[in-house]
Amino acid sequence: MIWIKRVTFFSLILCSFILVVNFVTHVPYFYISIELFLILVFIAIRSRRSSNWKVFLINLAAIFLAIGFAEAFCAGWDGFGFSPGIEEDRELFVQGGDAKECGKLIDEWKFVDNVRGYALPKNARINARKSFGDTVIYDVTYTSNKDGLRVSPHDLSYLSNITQNDSKNLIFFGCSCTLGEGVNDNETYPYLIEDKSRGQYRSYNFAMEGYGPHQMLRILETGLLDSIIPENKPAAFFYLALTAHMYRSSCKYPYFTWDVNGPRYELNSFKEVIYAGKFNDNLISKIKFNIYGQLTKSHLILGSFWIKQLIGWNVSQQDRELFIAIILKSIKLISQKYKVPFYVIVWANDIWSDDSEDYEYIISELKKYQVNLIETKDIFAKYESPKDKDSYLIKYDGHPNKLAYDRVAEYILKYIDTDRSK
């Protein structure tokens, strides 16, 4: 009978932990630590065993209490929800009005895609709104075309006054900075490049929030690009890279919270990039990422470099090598199949400069392989001083704004025209 009581007691405790982790929005591990502290103190008081055992339980309770206070300290007022926070709202509208036609949806506005992991729905409009307290950070619309790419001028019939064969196709890969998070359709830099070229170029925006170079490579390997642009081959390719993409191509924190269905690549013994399925295509991976997802709710873990290093969330040298190798293989495929230029736009964390180890590694490695590089420090060099960098960013968000994309579009147009004339 006593064992039944103990099993029931510990089962109830376990269930309470699961409920707290899954349903408490703010700092769940603080409450779990306090709960463990109280439980251990209760057991110590009720225990009939030796005093040494009671001392052990009390000390263990004190450890959990300290962990709880550390969790609370790392969370701060913002973590407990006492200060205004960032709120996002996305509303999806599709042609015909039935979102189920897009397939299985993720986060109410993305859909599952076998090639890329997830993608924009086709023929859709997403109203995206982000706010900080009472301040509206942005309130914009993302529109996708029949292929699930964010629209460019040629997708809009009232702006398209040229035939397919009259223009050169430019292909853009990247993440939210290429998709244009926080700006309207006509404010993304791929859109502006086509618009400013007056029909000389057509832009195809294959970017999506949270993407890395692994999505780019998979699009090229599977022929998805050719199925969308079958008639007129591309004239040039562009990939906008961030240092964070190193973490994405290896599915490290925080990118395993949304890209576990993305394409996974590995380096074989010859340092060649091999497609290895999806990040969570087996039971062990699914369990691992599920546990990781729960651990991301801990402010203590997120605030500690060494804890993240211990559980394998930080980028390693092998991850850096994989990132570069994915880009180089993409360049090789483009060179072999299309025989056209490939440009890597490297976005510095401070726009004008970036002295981080990851940034320096990317630049040095790509230069070593003679990759066509465009750095944002060169794009913005002739404009305002570095003190004005905030004028290029969306306040409270950090993504580039319309002005930044306008600068990028102007620079790229001049750059490729000069490069073509050589």
Protein backbone atom coordinates (compact mmCIF):
# COMPACT_ATOMS: atom_id res chain seq x y z
CA MET A 1 0.00 0.00 0.00
CA ILE A 2 2.80 2.42 0.86
CA TRP A 3 4.36 1.91 -2.57
CA ILE A 4 1.08 2.77 -4.26
CA LYS A 5 0.96 6.01 -2.29
CA ARG A 6 4.54 6.85 -3.24
CA VAL A 7 3.98 6.10 -6.92
CA THR A 8 0.82 8.20 -6.88
CA PHE A 9 2.61 11.04 -5.08
CA PHE A 10 5.52 11.16 -7.52
CA SER A 11 3.19 10.74 -10.51
CA LEU A 12 1.23 13.80 -9.38
CA ILE A 13 4.48 15.74 -8.98
CA LEU A 14 5.62 14.74 -12.48
CA CYS A 15 2.25 15.73 -13.94
CA SER A 16 2.45 19.10 -12.22
CA PHE A 17 5.90 19.70 -13.76
CA ILE A 18 4.60 18.86 -17.22
CA LEU A 19 1.61 21.16 -16.77
CA VAL A 20 3.79 24.03 -15.56
CA VAL A 21 6.29 23.69 -18.45
CA ASN A 22 3.57 23.50 -21.09
CA PHE A 23 1.00 25.97 -19.79
CA VAL A 24 2.82 28.57 -17.69
CA THR A 25 3.82 31.30 -20.14
CA HIS A 26 6.38 33.17 -18.05
CA VAL A 27 9.42 31.61 -16.36
CA PRO A 28 8.03 28.07 -15.80
CA TYR A 29 11.31 26.74 -14.41
CA PHE A 30 11.23 29.30 -11.61
CA TYR A 31 7.94 27.84 -10.41
CA ILE A 32 9.21 24.28 -10.85
CA SER A 33 12.27 25.12 -8.73
CA ILE A 34 10.09 26.60 -6.00
CA GLU A 35 7.83 23.56 -6.17
CA LEU A 36 10.81 21.21 -5.81
CA PHE A 37 12.08 23.26 -2.88
CA LEU A 38 8.75 22.96 -1.05
CA ILE A 39 8.39 19.26 -1.84
CA LEU A 40 11.86 18.43 -0.55
CA VAL A 41 11.34 20.45 2.62
CA PHE A 42 8.00 18.68 3.14
CA ILE A 43 9.62 15.25 2.64
CA ALA A 44 12.45 16.16 5.05
CA ILE A 45 9.98 17.21 7.73
CA ARG A 46 7.82 14.11 7.33
CA SER A 47 10.71 11.68 6.95
CA ARG A 48 11.42 9.21 9.78
CA ARG A 49 14.87 8.38 8.48
CA SER A 50 18.22 9.55 9.89
CA SER A 51 19.11 13.16 10.43
CA ASN A 52 21.81 12.88 7.73
CA TRP A 53 19.10 12.07 5.21
CA LYS A 54 17.10 15.09 6.31
CA VAL A 55 20.17 17.32 6.05
CA PHE A 56 20.76 16.01 2.53
CA LEU A 57 17.16 16.82 1.52
CA ILE A 58 17.35 20.31 3.02
CA ASN A 59 20.61 21.03 1.18
CA LEU A 60 19.12 19.73 -2.05
CA ALA A 61 16.08 21.93 -1.48
CA ALA A 62 18.39 24.93 -0.99
CA ILE A 63 20.07 24.17 -4.32
CA PHE A 64 16.73 24.15 -6.13
CA LEU A 65 15.76 27.38 -4.39
CA ALA A 66 19.02 28.97 -5.57
CA ILE A 67 18.35 27.75 -9.11
CA GLY A 68 14.88 29.27 -8.93
CA PHE A 69 16.26 32.65 -7.82
CA ALA A 70 18.91 32.47 -10.57
CA GLU A 71 16.15 31.75 -13.09
CA ALA A 72 14.17 34.74 -11.81
CA PHE A 73 17.24 36.99 -11.92
CA CYS A 74 18.03 36.02 -15.52
CA ALA A 75 14.40 36.51 -16.55
CA GLY A 76 14.01 39.95 -15.01
CA TRP A 77 10.77 41.90 -15.10
CA ASP A 78 10.42 41.31 -18.82
CA GLY A 79 10.63 37.55 -18.37
CA PHE A 80 7.82 37.57 -15.83
CA GLY A 81 5.66 39.61 -18.18
CA PHE A 82 5.55 42.69 -15.95
CA SER A 83 7.00 44.94 -18.67
CA PRO A 84 5.56 45.56 -22.15
CA GLY A 85 6.73 42.90 -24.59
CA ILE A 86 6.86 42.34 -28.31
CA GLU A 87 3.62 40.99 -29.73
CA GLU A 88 3.21 39.58 -33.23
CA ASP A 89 0.07 38.84 -35.17
CA ARG A 90 -0.13 37.21 -38.62
CA GLU A 91 -3.39 36.76 -40.48
CA LEU A 92 -3.49 34.60 -43.60
CA PHE A 93 -5.80 35.13 -46.58
CA VAL A 94 -5.58 32.84 -49.62
CA GLN A 95 -7.21 32.99 -53.01
CA GLY A 96 -10.55 31.27 -52.69
CA GLY A 97 -10.64 31.87 -48.94
CA ASP A 98 -9.72 28.36 -47.77
CA ALA A 99 -6.33 28.19 -46.01
CA LYS A 100 -6.50 24.36 -46.02
CA GLU A 101 -5.74 24.45 -49.74
CA CYS A 102 -2.18 25.44 -48.85
CA GLY A 103 -1.54 22.14 -47.11
CA LYS A 104 -0.50 21.62 -43.51
CA LEU A 105 0.03 25.01 -41.93
CA ILE A 106 2.70 26.05 -39.40
CA ASP A 107 2.27 29.12 -37.18
CA GLU A 108 -0.95 29.94 -39.01
CA TRP A 109 0.78 31.43 -42.07
CA LYS A 110 3.54 29.05 -43.24
CA PHE A 111 2.94 25.65 -44.76
CA VAL A 112 4.93 22.42 -44.64
CA ASP A 113 7.13 21.96 -47.70
CA ASN A 114 8.99 18.74 -48.47
CA VAL A 115 11.92 20.53 -50.10
CA ARG A 116 12.51 23.51 -47.81
CA GLY A 117 10.84 22.40 -44.59
CA TYR A 118 8.33 25.23 -44.72
CA ALA A 119 7.42 27.98 -47.18
CA LEU A 120 5.00 30.75 -48.02
CA PRO A 121 1.58 29.57 -49.19
CA LYS A 122 0.75 30.21 -52.85
CA ASN A 123 -1.52 33.07 -53.96
CA ALA A 124 -1.78 34.37 -50.43
CA ARG A 125 -1.79 37.60 -48.49
CA ILE A 126 -0.43 37.78 -44.98
CA ASN A 127 -1.22 40.77 -42.83
CA ALA A 128 1.75 41.06 -40.46
CA ARG A 129 1.62 43.27 -37.40
CA LYS A 130 4.16 43.70 -34.64
CA SER A 131 3.81 45.97 -31.62
CA PHE A 132 5.68 46.90 -28.46
CA GLY A 133 3.14 47.85 -25.83
CA ASP A 134 1.01 50.57 -27.45
CA THR A 135 3.64 51.28 -30.10
CA VAL A 136 3.06 49.74 -33.54
CA ILE A 137 6.42 48.57 -34.86
CA TYR A 138 5.04 47.69 -38.27
CA ASP A 139 1.73 46.86 -39.91
CA VAL A 140 2.39 45.51 -43.41
CA THR A 141 1.22 43.00 -46.00
CA TYR A 142 3.17 40.11 -47.52
CA THR A 143 1.77 38.89 -50.84
CA SER A 144 2.84 35.66 -52.53
CA ASN A 145 2.48 34.73 -56.20
CA LYS A 146 1.29 31.50 -57.79
CA ASP A 147 4.62 29.83 -56.97
CA GLY A 148 4.68 30.84 -53.30
CA LEU A 149 7.32 33.56 -53.76
CA ARG A 150 6.92 37.08 -52.46
CA VAL A 151 5.69 39.23 -55.34
CA SER A 152 7.84 41.36 -57.62
CA PRO A 153 6.59 43.95 -60.15
CA HIS A 154 6.25 41.38 -62.95
CA ASP A 155 3.73 39.46 -60.82
CA LEU A 156 1.43 42.46 -60.86
CA SER A 157 -0.34 42.63 -64.21
CA TYR A 158 -0.86 46.38 -64.11
CA LEU A 159 2.92 46.91 -63.75
CA SER A 160 4.13 44.20 -66.12
CA ASN A 161 4.60 45.75 -69.57
CA ILE A 162 7.40 43.51 -70.86
CA THR A 163 7.53 39.90 -72.03
CA GLN A 164 9.47 37.14 -70.32
CA ASN A 165 12.19 37.18 -72.98
CA ASP A 166 12.80 40.93 -72.73
CA SER A 167 14.35 40.76 -69.27
CA LYS A 168 17.07 38.96 -67.38
CA ASN A 169 16.09 36.87 -64.37
CA LEU A 170 17.75 37.51 -61.01
CA ILE A 171 17.38 34.87 -58.29
CA PHE A 172 17.49 35.86 -54.62
CA PHE A 173 18.07 33.53 -51.69
CA GLY A 174 18.17 34.35 -48.01
CA CYS A 175 16.15 34.82 -44.87
CA SER A 176 13.81 37.52 -43.53
CA CYS A 177 16.22 40.24 -44.66
CA THR A 178 15.66 39.17 -48.28
CA LEU A 179 12.01 38.25 -47.89
CA GLY A 180 11.51 41.72 -46.39
CA GLU A 181 10.14 41.18 -42.90
CA GLY A 182 8.50 44.34 -41.61
CA VAL A 183 8.14 46.09 -44.97
CA ASN A 184 5.47 46.04 -47.66
CA ASP A 185 5.74 44.17 -50.95
CA ASN A 186 7.11 47.14 -52.90
CA GLU A 187 9.80 47.87 -50.28
CA THR A 188 11.90 44.68 -50.40
CA TYR A 189 15.25 44.97 -52.13
CA PRO A 190 14.50 42.27 -54.79
CA TYR A 191 11.30 44.17 -55.67
CA LEU A 192 13.15 47.50 -55.78
CA ILE A 193 15.90 46.10 -58.00
CA GLU A 194 13.37 45.04 -60.61
CA ASP A 195 11.46 48.29 -60.25
CA LYS A 196 14.56 50.50 -60.54
CA SER A 197 15.89 48.53 -63.53
CA ARG A 198 12.80 49.54 -65.55
CA GLY A 199 12.26 46.06 -66.90
CA GLN A 200 15.91 45.14 -67.50
CA TYR A 201 15.71 42.56 -64.71
CA ARG A 202 13.03 40.36 -63.17
CA SER A 203 13.42 39.42 -59.52
CA TYR A 204 12.49 36.03 -58.07
CA ASN A 205 12.51 36.09 -54.27
CA PHE A 206 13.07 32.55 -52.92
CA ALA A 207 13.75 33.81 -49.40
CA MET A 208 11.73 33.11 -46.27
CA GLU A 209 11.90 34.01 -42.61
CA GLY A 210 14.33 31.75 -40.79
CA TYR A 211 15.97 30.27 -43.89
CA GLY A 212 19.67 29.55 -44.19
CA PRO A 213 21.96 28.37 -47.03
CA HIS A 214 20.69 24.79 -46.65
CA GLN A 215 17.31 25.78 -48.11
CA MET A 216 19.09 27.45 -51.02
CA LEU A 217 21.14 24.34 -51.79
CA ARG A 218 18.10 22.07 -51.58
CA ILE A 219 16.14 24.31 -53.96
CA LEU A 220 19.00 24.03 -56.46
CA GLU A 221 19.50 20.28 -56.02
CA THR A 222 15.85 19.28 -56.38
CA GLY A 223 15.11 21.37 -59.49
CA LEU A 224 12.45 23.41 -57.70
CA LEU A 225 13.91 26.57 -59.19
CA ASP A 226 13.66 25.22 -62.76
CA SER A 227 10.03 24.26 -62.22
CA ILE A 228 9.24 27.88 -61.36
CA ILE A 229 11.42 29.54 -64.03
CA PRO A 230 11.38 27.05 -66.93
CA GLU A 231 11.57 29.37 -69.95
CA ASN A 232 14.36 31.87 -69.41
CA LYS A 233 17.45 30.79 -67.49
CA PRO A 234 18.71 32.98 -64.62
CA ALA A 235 21.25 35.71 -65.34
CA ALA A 236 22.63 35.97 -61.79
CA PHE A 237 22.12 34.64 -58.27
CA PHE A 238 22.28 36.45 -54.93
CA TYR A 239 22.43 35.07 -51.41
CA LEU A 240 22.28 37.43 -48.42
CA ALA A 241 24.22 35.84 -45.56
CA LEU A 242 24.17 36.56 -41.84
CA THR A 243 26.53 35.12 -39.25
CA ALA A 244 23.41 33.58 -37.68
CA HIS A 245 23.06 31.37 -40.76
CA MET A 246 25.90 29.24 -39.40
CA TYR A 247 23.55 28.19 -36.61
CA ARG A 248 20.67 27.63 -39.02
CA SER A 249 22.47 25.28 -41.40
CA SER A 250 23.34 23.12 -38.36
CA CYS A 251 19.94 23.57 -36.65
CA LYS A 252 21.43 25.01 -33.47
CA TYR A 253 19.67 27.24 -30.93
CA PRO A 254 17.29 28.97 -31.49
CA TYR A 255 16.66 27.64 -34.99
CA PHE A 256 15.59 24.16 -33.90
CA THR A 257 12.47 25.85 -32.55
CA TRP A 258 11.12 26.28 -36.10
CA ASP A 259 13.33 24.54 -38.69
CA VAL A 260 13.44 20.90 -37.56
CA ASN A 261 11.78 19.87 -40.83
CA GLY A 262 14.45 21.67 -42.86
CA PRO A 263 17.02 19.92 -45.08
CA ARG A 264 20.01 18.54 -43.17
CA TYR A 265 23.47 18.43 -44.71
CA GLU A 266 26.63 16.79 -43.44
CA LEU A 267 30.30 16.76 -44.36
CA ASN A 268 31.66 13.34 -45.30
CA SER A 269 35.25 12.18 -44.75
CA PHE A 270 36.29 14.04 -47.92
CA LYS A 271 34.72 17.30 -46.65
CA GLU A 272 32.01 17.01 -49.30
CA VAL A 273 28.47 18.23 -48.57
CA ILE A 274 25.97 15.37 -48.52
CA TYR A 275 22.20 15.66 -48.13
CA ALA A 276 21.24 13.59 -45.07
CA GLY A 277 17.46 13.97 -44.89
CA LYS A 278 15.66 16.27 -42.47
CA PHE A 279 16.85 17.44 -39.07
CA ASN A 280 14.14 15.43 -37.27
CA ASP A 281 13.63 12.47 -39.57
CA ASN A 282 14.16 9.82 -36.89
CA LEU A 283 12.75 9.09 -33.44
CA ILE A 284 15.90 10.08 -31.54
CA SER A 285 16.03 13.46 -33.29
CA LYS A 286 12.35 14.08 -32.60
CA ILE A 287 12.83 13.34 -28.89
CA LYS A 288 16.00 15.47 -28.74
CA PHE A 289 14.39 18.50 -30.36
CA ASN A 290 11.29 18.13 -28.21
CA ILE A 291 13.46 18.22 -25.07
CA TYR A 292 15.43 21.15 -26.49
CA GLY A 293 12.19 22.99 -27.11
CA GLN A 294 11.23 22.67 -23.46
CA LEU A 295 14.69 23.76 -22.29
CA THR A 296 14.46 26.99 -24.31
CA LYS A 297 11.92 28.16 -21.74
CA SER A 298 14.72 28.44 -19.18
CA HIS A 299 16.21 31.94 -18.94
CA LEU A 300 19.12 30.54 -16.95
CA ILE A 301 20.11 28.24 -19.81
CA LEU A 302 19.61 30.88 -22.49
CA GLY A 303 21.73 33.36 -20.54
CA SER A 304 24.69 31.04 -20.08
CA PHE A 305 27.20 30.46 -22.88
CA TRP A 306 28.73 27.50 -21.04
CA ILE A 307 25.45 25.68 -20.41
CA LYS A 308 24.56 26.07 -24.09
CA GLN A 309 28.04 24.86 -24.98
CA LEU A 310 27.60 21.83 -22.73
CA ILE A 311 24.33 20.75 -24.35
CA GLY A 312 25.58 21.47 -27.87
CA TRP A 313 23.61 24.58 -28.76
CA ASN A 314 26.57 26.76 -29.74
CA VAL A 315 28.13 26.69 -33.18
CA SER A 316 31.30 24.60 -33.57
CA GLN A 317 34.16 24.78 -36.04
CA GLN A 318 32.59 21.88 -37.93
CA ASP A 319 29.36 23.87 -38.19
CA ARG A 320 31.31 26.82 -39.61
CA GLU A 321 32.96 24.58 -42.18
CA LEU A 322 29.61 23.08 -43.13
CA PHE A 323 28.12 26.56 -43.66
CA ILE A 324 30.93 27.55 -46.05
CA ALA A 325 30.79 24.17 -47.82
CA ILE A 326 27.05 24.54 -48.47
CA ILE A 327 27.62 27.94 -50.09
CA LEU A 328 30.50 26.61 -52.19
CA LYS A 329 28.47 23.64 -53.39
CA SER A 330 25.62 25.98 -54.34
CA ILE A 331 28.08 28.08 -56.36
CA LYS A 332 29.42 24.95 -58.05
CA LEU A 333 25.92 23.80 -59.06
CA ILE A 334 25.06 27.25 -60.43
CA SER A 335 28.34 27.47 -62.33
CA GLN A 336 27.91 24.03 -63.89
CA LYS A 337 24.24 24.35 -64.80
CA TYR A 338 23.68 28.02 -65.55
CA LYS A 339 27.21 29.44 -66.04
CA VAL A 340 26.21 32.76 -64.49
CA PRO A 341 27.58 34.84 -61.58
CA PHE A 342 26.77 34.15 -57.95
CA TYR A 343 27.05 36.97 -55.40
CA VAL A 344 27.11 36.66 -51.62
CA ILE A 345 25.90 39.74 -49.74
CA VAL A 346 27.29 39.59 -46.20
CA TRP A 347 25.29 41.65 -43.73
CA ALA A 348 27.38 42.98 -40.86
CA ASN A 349 25.85 43.10 -37.39
CA ASP A 350 26.61 46.84 -37.17
CA ILE A 351 25.96 47.43 -40.89
CA TRP A 352 29.26 49.32 -41.32
CA SER A 353 31.42 46.91 -39.38
CA ASP A 354 31.49 43.56 -37.63
CA ASP A 355 34.51 42.43 -35.63
CA SER A 356 32.96 39.14 -34.53
CA GLU A 357 34.92 35.94 -35.05
CA ASP A 358 32.13 34.41 -37.14
CA TYR A 359 31.98 37.39 -39.50
CA GLU A 360 35.73 37.44 -40.02
CA TYR A 361 35.66 33.70 -40.68
CA ILE A 362 32.96 34.03 -43.35
CA ILE A 363 34.77 36.85 -45.14
CA SER A 364 38.19 35.20 -45.05
CA GLU A 365 36.91 31.80 -46.21
CA LEU A 366 34.80 33.15 -49.07
CA LYS A 367 37.65 35.39 -50.23
CA LYS A 368 39.94 32.37 -50.14
CA TYR A 369 37.65 30.65 -52.63
CA GLN A 370 37.30 33.84 -54.71
CA VAL A 371 33.58 34.18 -54.15
CA ASN A 372 31.96 37.39 -55.42
CA LEU A 373 31.45 39.27 -52.13
CA ILE A 374 29.37 42.33 -51.35
CA GLU A 375 29.68 43.63 -47.79
CA THR A 376 27.14 46.01 -46.30
CA LYS A 377 29.98 48.25 -45.12
CA ASP A 378 30.66 48.94 -48.79
CA ILE A 379 26.99 49.46 -49.60
CA PHE A 380 26.44 52.08 -46.93
CA ALA A 381 29.92 53.63 -46.98
CA LYS A 382 28.99 56.68 -49.06
CA TYR A 383 25.89 57.48 -47.02
CA GLU A 384 25.37 58.58 -43.43
CA SER A 385 27.93 57.89 -40.73
CA PRO A 386 27.82 54.75 -38.55
CA LYS A 387 26.20 56.87 -35.84
CA ASP A 388 23.06 56.89 -37.98
CA LYS A 389 22.78 53.10 -38.30
CA ASP A 390 19.42 53.12 -36.48
CA SER A 391 17.95 55.03 -39.40
CA TYR A 392 18.31 51.83 -41.42
CA LEU A 393 16.66 49.54 -38.91
CA ILE A 394 13.05 49.01 -37.81
CA LYS A 395 12.85 50.28 -34.24
CA TYR A 396 12.27 47.59 -31.56
CA ASP A 397 12.68 44.95 -34.27
CA GLY A 398 16.17 45.20 -35.78
CA HIS A 399 15.35 44.18 -39.35
CA PRO A 400 16.37 46.52 -42.19
CA ASN A 401 13.76 49.11 -43.17
CA LYS A 402 12.70 50.47 -46.56
CA LEU A 403 15.55 53.00 -46.66
CA ALA A 404 18.13 50.26 -46.09
CA TYR A 405 16.64 48.11 -48.84
CA ASP A 406 16.58 51.09 -51.19
CA ARG A 407 20.33 51.60 -50.60
CA VAL A 408 20.97 47.88 -51.19
CA ALA A 409 18.95 47.86 -54.43
CA GLU A 410 20.78 50.91 -55.82
CA TYR A 411 24.18 49.42 -54.99
CA ILE A 412 23.46 45.98 -56.44
CA LEU A 413 22.13 47.40 -59.71
CA LYS A 414 25.30 49.44 -60.20
CA TYR A 415 27.47 46.56 -59.05
CA ILE A 416 26.11 43.97 -61.49
CA ASP A 417 26.08 46.45 -64.38
CA THR A 418 29.75 47.22 -63.70
CA ASP A 419 30.55 43.54 -63.29
CA ARG A 420 28.83 42.64 -66.57
CA SER A 421 30.77 45.33 -68.45
CA LYS A 422 34.17 43.95 -67.42
